[in-house]
Amino acid sequence: MEDATVVAIAGNPACGDMITFYLKITDQQVIEKATFESYGCAANIATSSIVTEMIKGLTLEKAWNDITWKKLLRKSAAYPA
């Protein structure tokens, strides 16, 4: 995303997965747009995609406080295997 307000990069040295998240944040601290680039396994890509969908439209505070690994797990369980 060329107009990202925030870029965050993380990785897992054990498996080699890498992820870059791009967020476009408004002046009101709302996540207007969220995208990612991933080098990793299918689980890495799927969960990153789910996270970007879950945080769009939330304030930074709400995203930080409300998105948990348990909520992500429940959301990912809704997708067919």
PDB file of N, CA and C in Angstrom:
ATOM      1  N   MET A   1       0.852  -1.175   0.000  1.00  0.00           N
ATOM      2  CA  MET A   1       0.000   0.000   0.000  1.00  0.00           C
ATOM      3  C   MET A   1       0.896   1.236   0.000  1.00  0.00           C
ATOM      4  N   GLU A   2       0.728   2.048  -0.995  1.00  0.00           N
ATOM      5  CA  GLU A   2       1.603   3.209  -1.151  1.00  0.00           C
ATOM      6  C   GLU A   2       1.314   4.326  -0.156  1.00  0.00           C
ATOM      7  N   ASP A   3       0.064   4.432   0.294  1.00  0.00           N
ATOM      8  CA  ASP A   3      -0.293   5.523   1.198  1.00  0.00           C
ATOM      9  C   ASP A   3      -0.465   5.065   2.650  1.00  0.00           C
ATOM     10  N   ALA A   4       0.232   3.991   3.031  1.00  0.00           N
ATOM     11  CA  ALA A   4       0.126   3.465   4.395  1.00  0.00           C
ATOM     12  C   ALA A   4       0.613   4.485   5.415  1.00  0.00           C
ATOM     13  N   THR A   5      -0.117   4.560   6.510  1.00  0.00           N
ATOM     14  CA  THR A   5       0.282   5.402   7.627  1.00  0.00           C
ATOM     15  C   THR A   5       1.279   4.664   8.505  1.00  0.00           C
ATOM     16  N   VAL A   6       1.090   3.341   8.614  1.00  0.00           N
ATOM     17  CA  VAL A   6       1.926   2.487   9.455  1.00  0.00           C
ATOM     18  C   VAL A   6       2.306   1.240   8.678  1.00  0.00           C
ATOM     19  N   VAL A   7       3.557   0.827   8.821  1.00  0.00           N
ATOM     20  CA  VAL A   7       4.042  -0.433   8.254  1.00  0.00           C
ATOM     21  C   VAL A   7       4.714  -1.199   9.381  1.00  0.00           C
ATOM     22  N   ALA A   8       4.323  -2.472   9.553  1.00  0.00           N
ATOM     23  CA  ALA A   8       4.921  -3.309  10.594  1.00  0.00           C
ATOM     24  C   ALA A   8       5.360  -4.625   9.982  1.00  0.00           C
ATOM     25  N   ILE A   9       6.560  -5.056  10.340  1.00  0.00           N
ATOM     26  CA  ILE A   9       7.130  -6.295   9.814  1.00  0.00           C
ATOM     27  C   ILE A   9       7.429  -7.225  10.981  1.00  0.00           C
ATOM     28  N   ALA A  10       7.073  -8.500  10.811  1.00  0.00           N
ATOM     29  CA  ALA A  10       7.361  -9.500  11.842  1.00  0.00           C
ATOM     30  C   ALA A  10       7.727 -10.808  11.155  1.00  0.00           C
ATOM     31  N   GLY A  11       8.414 -11.643  11.880  1.00  0.00           N
ATOM     32  CA  GLY A  11       8.801 -12.932  11.333  1.00  0.00           C
ATOM     33  C   GLY A  11       8.974 -13.974  12.415  1.00  0.00           C
ATOM     34  N   ASN A  12       9.056 -15.217  11.981  1.00  0.00           N
ATOM     35  CA  ASN A  12       9.262 -16.335  12.879  1.00  0.00           C
ATOM     36  C   ASN A  12      10.538 -17.054  12.455  1.00  0.00           C
ATOM     37  N   PRO A  13      11.618 -16.905  13.221  1.00  0.00           N
ATOM     38  CA  PRO A  13      12.876 -17.535  12.828  1.00  0.00           C
ATOM     39  C   PRO A  13      12.815 -19.057  12.807  1.00  0.00           C
ATOM     40  N   ALA A  14      11.888 -19.650  13.550  1.00  0.00           N
ATOM     41  CA  ALA A  14      11.798 -21.107  13.602  1.00  0.00           C
ATOM     42  C   ALA A  14      11.343 -21.706  12.270  1.00  0.00           C
ATOM     43  N   CYS A  15      10.392 -21.030  11.602  1.00  0.00           N
ATOM     44  CA  CYS A  15       9.873 -21.582  10.346  1.00  0.00           C
ATOM     45  C   CYS A  15      10.191 -20.723   9.131  1.00  0.00           C
ATOM     46  N   GLY A  16      10.621 -19.493   9.349  1.00  0.00           N
ATOM     47  CA  GLY A  16      10.979 -18.621   8.236  1.00  0.00           C
ATOM     48  C   GLY A  16       9.858 -17.750   7.707  1.00  0.00           C
ATOM     49  N   ASP A  17       8.664 -17.842   8.298  1.00  0.00           N
ATOM     50  CA  ASP A  17       7.551 -16.996   7.851  1.00  0.00           C
ATOM     51  C   ASP A  17       7.875 -15.518   8.088  1.00  0.00           C
ATOM     52  N   MET A  18       7.448 -14.679   7.156  1.00  0.00           N
ATOM     53  CA  MET A  18       7.586 -13.225   7.273  1.00  0.00           C
ATOM     54  C   MET A  18       6.260 -12.593   6.870  1.00  0.00           C
ATOM     55  N   ILE A  19       5.901 -11.530   7.563  1.00  0.00           N
ATOM     56  CA  ILE A  19       4.668 -10.815   7.261  1.00  0.00           C
ATOM     57  C   ILE A  19       4.904  -9.327   7.378  1.00  0.00           C
ATOM     58  N   THR A  20       4.311  -8.575   6.469  1.00  0.00           N
ATOM     59  CA  THR A  20       4.327  -7.121   6.539  1.00  0.00           C
ATOM     60  C   THR A  20       2.882  -6.648   6.486  1.00  0.00           C
ATOM     61  N   PHE A  21       2.481  -5.897   7.515  1.00  0.00           N
ATOM     62  CA  PHE A  21       1.146  -5.300   7.550  1.00  0.00           C
ATOM     63  C   PHE A  21       1.247  -3.828   7.178  1.00  0.00           C
ATOM     64  N   TYR A  22       0.282  -3.353   6.409  1.00  0.00           N
ATOM     65  CA  TYR A  22       0.176  -1.951   6.019  1.00  0.00           C
ATOM     66  C   TYR A  22      -1.182  -1.434   6.496  1.00  0.00           C
ATOM     67  N   LEU A  23      -1.169  -0.334   7.234  1.00  0.00           N
ATOM     68  CA  LEU A  23      -2.416   0.259   7.716  1.00  0.00           C
ATOM     69  C   LEU A  23      -2.526   1.703   7.267  1.00  0.00           C
ATOM     70  N   LYS A  24      -3.710   2.076   6.840  1.00  0.00           N
ATOM     71  CA  LYS A  24      -4.050   3.472   6.544  1.00  0.00           C
ATOM     72  C   LYS A  24      -4.960   3.917   7.672  1.00  0.00           C
ATOM     73  N   ILE A  25      -4.492   4.888   8.471  1.00  0.00           N
ATOM     74  CA  ILE A  25      -5.205   5.323   9.666  1.00  0.00           C
ATOM     75  C   ILE A  25      -5.646   6.771   9.482  1.00  0.00           C
ATOM     76  N   THR A  26      -6.915   7.038   9.802  1.00  0.00           N
ATOM     77  CA  THR A  26      -7.453   8.384   9.655  1.00  0.00           C
ATOM     78  C   THR A  26      -7.011   9.273  10.819  1.00  0.00           C
ATOM     79  N   ASP A  27      -7.298  10.561  10.701  1.00  0.00           N
ATOM     80  CA  ASP A  27      -7.000  11.504  11.782  1.00  0.00           C
ATOM     81  C   ASP A  27      -7.775  11.181  13.060  1.00  0.00           C
ATOM     82  N   GLN A  28      -8.886  10.463  12.909  1.00  0.00           N
ATOM     83  CA  GLN A  28      -9.699  10.062  14.063  1.00  0.00           C
ATOM     84  C   GLN A  28      -9.240   8.722  14.645  1.00  0.00           C
ATOM     85  N   GLN A  29      -8.076   8.236  14.187  1.00  0.00           N
ATOM     86  CA  GLN A  29      -7.484   6.985  14.683  1.00  0.00           C
ATOM     87  C   GLN A  29      -8.290   5.744  14.294  1.00  0.00           C
ATOM     88  N   VAL A  30      -8.977   5.808  13.149  1.00  0.00           N
ATOM     89  CA  VAL A  30      -9.737   4.670  12.633  1.00  0.00           C
ATOM     90  C   VAL A  30      -8.918   3.994  11.537  1.00  0.00           C
ATOM     91  N   ILE A  31      -8.883   2.670  11.573  1.00  0.00           N
ATOM     92  CA  ILE A  31      -8.170   1.900  10.546  1.00  0.00           C
ATOM     93  C   ILE A  31      -9.067   1.860   9.307  1.00  0.00           C
ATOM     94  N   GLU A  32      -8.693   2.654   8.335  1.00  0.00           N
ATOM     95  CA  GLU A  32      -9.492   2.800   7.122  1.00  0.00           C
ATOM     96  C   GLU A  32      -9.205   1.668   6.129  1.00  0.00           C
ATOM     97  N   LYS A  33      -7.967   1.238   6.098  1.00  0.00           N
ATOM     98  CA  LYS A  33      -7.538   0.238   5.128  1.00  0.00           C
ATOM     99  C   LYS A  33      -6.448  -0.613   5.772  1.00  0.00           C
ATOM    100  N   ALA A  34      -6.482  -1.918   5.526  1.00  0.00           N
ATOM    101  CA  ALA A  34      -5.462  -2.819   6.059  1.00  0.00           C
ATOM    102  C   ALA A  34      -5.143  -3.873   5.010  1.00  0.00           C
ATOM    103  N   THR A  35      -3.868  -4.010   4.697  1.00  0.00           N
ATOM    104  CA  THR A  35      -3.418  -5.021   3.746  1.00  0.00           C
ATOM    105  C   THR A  35      -2.167  -5.682   4.306  1.00  0.00           C
ATOM    106  N   PHE A  36      -1.724  -6.731   3.640  1.00  0.00           N
ATOM    107  CA  PHE A  36      -0.519  -7.425   4.088  1.00  0.00           C
ATOM    108  C   PHE A  36       0.198  -8.070   2.918  1.00  0.00           C
ATOM    109  N   GLU A  37       1.465  -8.346   3.143  1.00  0.00           N
ATOM    110  CA  GLU A  37       2.270  -9.175   2.247  1.00  0.00           C
ATOM    111  C   GLU A  37       2.848 -10.283   3.107  1.00  0.00           C
ATOM    112  N   SER A  38       2.840 -11.499   2.594  1.00  0.00           N
ATOM    113  CA  SER A  38       3.290 -12.625   3.401  1.00  0.00           C
ATOM    114  C   SER A  38       4.224 -13.521   2.607  1.00  0.00           C
ATOM    115  N   TYR A  39       5.232 -13.985   3.289  1.00  0.00           N
ATOM    116  CA  TYR A  39       6.067 -15.068   2.788  1.00  0.00           C
ATOM    117  C   TYR A  39       5.968 -16.145   3.851  1.00  0.00           C
ATOM    118  N   GLY A  40       5.132 -17.136   3.599  1.00  0.00           N
ATOM    119  CA  GLY A  40       4.966 -18.156   4.619  1.00  0.00           C
ATOM    120  C   GLY A  40       3.941 -19.188   4.227  1.00  0.00           C
ATOM    121  N   CYS A  41       3.569 -19.971   5.215  1.00  0.00           N
ATOM    122  CA  CYS A  41       2.657 -21.092   5.002  1.00  0.00           C
ATOM    123  C   CYS A  41       1.215 -20.607   4.822  1.00  0.00           C
ATOM    124  N   ALA A  42       0.345 -21.536   4.490  1.00  0.00           N
ATOM    125  CA  ALA A  42      -1.066 -21.212   4.262  1.00  0.00           C
ATOM    126  C   ALA A  42      -1.718 -20.648   5.524  1.00  0.00           C
ATOM    127  N   ALA A  43      -1.355 -21.169   6.683  1.00  0.00           N
ATOM    128  CA  ALA A  43      -1.929 -20.665   7.944  1.00  0.00           C
ATOM    129  C   ALA A  43      -1.536 -19.208   8.162  1.00  0.00           C
ATOM    130  N   ASN A  44      -0.301 -18.853   7.857  1.00  0.00           N
ATOM    131  CA  ASN A  44       0.180 -17.474   7.981  1.00  0.00           C
ATOM    132  C   ASN A  44      -0.641 -16.552   7.083  1.00  0.00           C
ATOM    133  N   ILE A  45      -0.828 -16.959   5.865  1.00  0.00           N
ATOM    134  CA  ILE A  45      -1.564 -16.141   4.897  1.00  0.00           C
ATOM    135  C   ILE A  45      -3.035 -16.018   5.298  1.00  0.00           C
ATOM    136  N   ALA A  46      -3.651 -17.131   5.689  1.00  0.00           N
ATOM    137  CA  ALA A  46      -5.071 -17.116   6.053  1.00  0.00           C
ATOM    138  C   ALA A  46      -5.325 -16.252   7.280  1.00  0.00           C
ATOM    139  N   THR A  47      -4.522 -16.417   8.325  1.00  0.00           N
ATOM    140  CA  THR A  47      -4.758 -15.633   9.539  1.00  0.00           C
ATOM    141  C   THR A  47      -4.468 -14.153   9.311  1.00  0.00           C
ATOM    142  N   SER A  48      -3.480 -13.847   8.498  1.00  0.00           N
ATOM    143  CA  SER A  48      -3.198 -12.442   8.182  1.00  0.00           C
ATOM    144  C   SER A  48      -4.365 -11.819   7.447  1.00  0.00           C
ATOM    145  N   SER A  49      -4.952 -12.559   6.538  1.00  0.00           N
ATOM    146  CA  SER A  49      -6.114 -12.070   5.798  1.00  0.00           C
ATOM    147  C   SER A  49      -7.291 -11.830   6.736  1.00  0.00           C
ATOM    148  N   ILE A  50      -7.525 -12.760   7.643  1.00  0.00           N
ATOM    149  CA  ILE A  50      -8.626 -12.619   8.599  1.00  0.00           C
ATOM    150  C   ILE A  50      -8.404 -11.400   9.491  1.00  0.00           C
ATOM    151  N   VAL A  51      -7.177 -11.214   9.960  1.00  0.00           N
ATOM    152  CA  VAL A  51      -6.874 -10.059  10.816  1.00  0.00           C
ATOM    153  C   VAL A  51      -7.176  -8.753  10.086  1.00  0.00           C
ATOM    154  N   THR A  52      -6.747  -8.645   8.835  1.00  0.00           N
ATOM    155  CA  THR A  52      -6.991  -7.394   8.106  1.00  0.00           C
ATOM    156  C   THR A  52      -8.483  -7.125   7.971  1.00  0.00           C
ATOM    157  N   GLU A  53      -9.280  -8.171   7.784  1.00  0.00           N
ATOM    158  CA  GLU A  53     -10.728  -7.987   7.675  1.00  0.00           C
ATOM    159  C   GLU A  53     -11.334  -7.612   9.023  1.00  0.00           C
ATOM    160  N   MET A  54     -10.824  -8.176  10.105  1.00  0.00           N
ATOM    161  CA  MET A  54     -11.363  -7.911  11.437  1.00  0.00           C
ATOM    162  C   MET A  54     -11.094  -6.487  11.913  1.00  0.00           C
ATOM    163  N   ILE A  55      -9.974  -5.895  11.510  1.00  0.00           N
ATOM    164  CA  ILE A  55      -9.600  -4.587  12.057  1.00  0.00           C
ATOM    165  C   ILE A  55     -10.090  -3.402  11.236  1.00  0.00           C
ATOM    166  N   LYS A  56     -10.479  -3.627   9.989  1.00  0.00           N
ATOM    167  CA  LYS A  56     -10.961  -2.517   9.163  1.00  0.00           C
ATOM    168  C   LYS A  56     -12.169  -1.852   9.803  1.00  0.00           C
ATOM    169  N   GLY A  57     -12.097  -0.533   9.934  1.00  0.00           N
ATOM    170  CA  GLY A  57     -13.202   0.230  10.497  1.00  0.00           C
ATOM    171  C   GLY A  57     -13.126   0.405  12.010  1.00  0.00           C
ATOM    172  N   LEU A  58     -12.193  -0.283  12.665  1.00  0.00           N
ATOM    173  CA  LEU A  58     -12.042  -0.134  14.109  1.00  0.00           C
ATOM    174  C   LEU A  58     -11.084   1.007  14.430  1.00  0.00           C
ATOM    175  N   THR A  59     -11.240   1.558  15.617  1.00  0.00           N
ATOM    176  CA  THR A  59     -10.235   2.506  16.086  1.00  0.00           C
ATOM    177  C   THR A  59      -8.996   1.705  16.470  1.00  0.00           C
ATOM    178  N   LEU A  60      -7.870   2.386  16.550  1.00  0.00           N
ATOM    179  CA  LEU A  60      -6.645   1.707  16.974  1.00  0.00           C
ATOM    180  C   LEU A  60      -6.819   1.092  18.355  1.00  0.00           C
ATOM    181  N   GLU A  61      -7.440   1.844  19.260  1.00  0.00           N
ATOM    182  CA  GLU A  61      -7.630   1.339  20.629  1.00  0.00           C
ATOM    183  C   GLU A  61      -8.501   0.092  20.646  1.00  0.00           C
ATOM    184  N   LYS A  62      -9.590   0.107  19.900  1.00  0.00           N
ATOM    185  CA  LYS A  62     -10.493  -1.051  19.868  1.00  0.00           C
ATOM    186  C   LYS A  62      -9.800  -2.254  19.234  1.00  0.00           C
ATOM    187  N   ALA A  63      -9.073  -2.044  18.158  1.00  0.00           N
ATOM    188  CA  ALA A  63      -8.356  -3.144  17.524  1.00  0.00           C
ATOM    189  C   ALA A  63      -7.324  -3.742  18.482  1.00  0.00           C
ATOM    190  N   TRP A  64      -6.602  -2.882  19.175  1.00  0.00           N
ATOM    191  CA  TRP A  64      -5.562  -3.340  20.106  1.00  0.00           C
ATOM    192  C   TRP A  64      -6.167  -4.118  21.266  1.00  0.00           C
ATOM    193  N   ASN A  65      -7.294  -3.621  21.805  1.00  0.00           N
ATOM    194  CA  ASN A  65      -7.893  -4.233  22.992  1.00  0.00           C
ATOM    195  C   ASN A  65      -8.825  -5.404  22.687  1.00  0.00           C
ATOM    196  N   ASP A  66      -9.475  -5.387  21.523  1.00  0.00           N
ATOM    197  CA  ASP A  66     -10.530  -6.370  21.261  1.00  0.00           C
ATOM    198  C   ASP A  66     -10.118  -7.555  20.390  1.00  0.00           C
ATOM    199  N   ILE A  67      -9.091  -7.410  19.595  1.00  0.00           N
ATOM    200  CA  ILE A  67      -8.694  -8.521  18.727  1.00  0.00           C
ATOM    201  C   ILE A  67      -7.708  -9.399  19.494  1.00  0.00           C
ATOM    202  N   THR A  68      -8.155 -10.601  19.814  1.00  0.00           N
ATOM    203  CA  THR A  68      -7.332 -11.549  20.569  1.00  0.00           C
ATOM    204  C   THR A  68      -7.094 -12.794  19.732  1.00  0.00           C
ATOM    205  N   TRP A  69      -6.139 -13.585  20.147  1.00  0.00           N
ATOM    206  CA  TRP A  69      -5.881 -14.825  19.410  1.00  0.00           C
ATOM    207  C   TRP A  69      -7.087 -15.757  19.503  1.00  0.00           C
ATOM    208  N   LYS A  70      -7.846 -15.689  20.600  1.00  0.00           N
ATOM    209  CA  LYS A  70      -9.041 -16.531  20.733  1.00  0.00           C
ATOM    210  C   LYS A  70     -10.117 -16.110  19.729  1.00  0.00           C
ATOM    211  N   LYS A  71     -10.316 -14.804  19.559  1.00  0.00           N
ATOM    212  CA  LYS A  71     -11.289 -14.320  18.573  1.00  0.00           C
ATOM    213  C   LYS A  71     -10.851 -14.682  17.161  1.00  0.00           C
ATOM    214  N   LEU A  72      -9.570 -14.571  16.906  1.00  0.00           N
ATOM    215  CA  LEU A  72      -9.039 -14.943  15.592  1.00  0.00           C
ATOM    216  C   LEU A  72      -9.245 -16.433  15.332  1.00  0.00           C
ATOM    217  N   LEU A  73      -9.023 -17.251  16.342  1.00  0.00           N
ATOM    218  CA  LEU A  73      -9.231 -18.696  16.207  1.00  0.00           C
ATOM    219  C   LEU A  73     -10.685 -19.011  15.917  1.00  0.00           C
ATOM    220  N   ARG A  74     -11.609 -18.366  16.646  1.00  0.00           N
ATOM    221  CA  ARG A  74     -13.037 -18.593  16.408  1.00  0.00           C
ATOM    222  C   ARG A  74     -13.422 -18.170  14.992  1.00  0.00           C
ATOM    223  N   LYS A  75     -12.889 -17.037  14.559  1.00  0.00           N
ATOM    224  CA  LYS A  75     -13.199 -16.547  13.214  1.00  0.00           C
ATOM    225  C   LYS A  75     -12.646 -17.489  12.156  1.00  0.00           C
ATOM    226  N   SER A  76     -11.433 -17.979  12.354  1.00  0.00           N
ATOM    227  CA  SER A  76     -10.828 -18.871  11.353  1.00  0.00           C
ATOM    228  C   SER A  76     -11.535 -20.225  11.322  1.00  0.00           C
ATOM    229  N   ALA A  77     -12.128 -20.643  12.442  1.00  0.00           N
ATOM    230  CA  ALA A  77     -12.859 -21.896  12.473  1.00  0.00           C
ATOM    231  C   ALA A  77     -14.123 -21.833  11.630  1.00  0.00           C
ATOM    232  N   ALA A  78     -14.597 -20.631  11.327  1.00  0.00           N
ATOM    233  CA  ALA A  78     -15.800 -20.456  10.514  1.00  0.00           C
ATOM    234  C   ALA A  78     -15.529 -20.731   9.042  1.00  0.00           C
ATOM    235  N   TYR A  79     -14.271 -20.758   8.640  1.00  0.00           N
ATOM    236  CA  TYR A  79     -13.917 -21.017   7.247  1.00  0.00           C
ATOM    237  C   TYR A  79     -13.777 -22.516   7.016  1.00  0.00           C
ATOM    238  N   PRO A  80     -14.226 -23.004   5.866  1.00  0.00           N
ATOM    239  CA  PRO A  80     -14.123 -24.438   5.586  1.00  0.00           C
ATOM    240  C   PRO A  80     -12.669 -24.878   5.467  1.00  0.00           C
ATOM    241  N   ALA A  81     -12.420 -26.083   5.867  1.00  0.00           N
ATOM    242  CA  ALA A  81     -11.054 -26.647   5.814  1.00  0.00           C
ATOM    243  C   ALA A  81     -10.701 -27.084   4.414  1.00  0.00           C
TER     244      ALA A  81
END
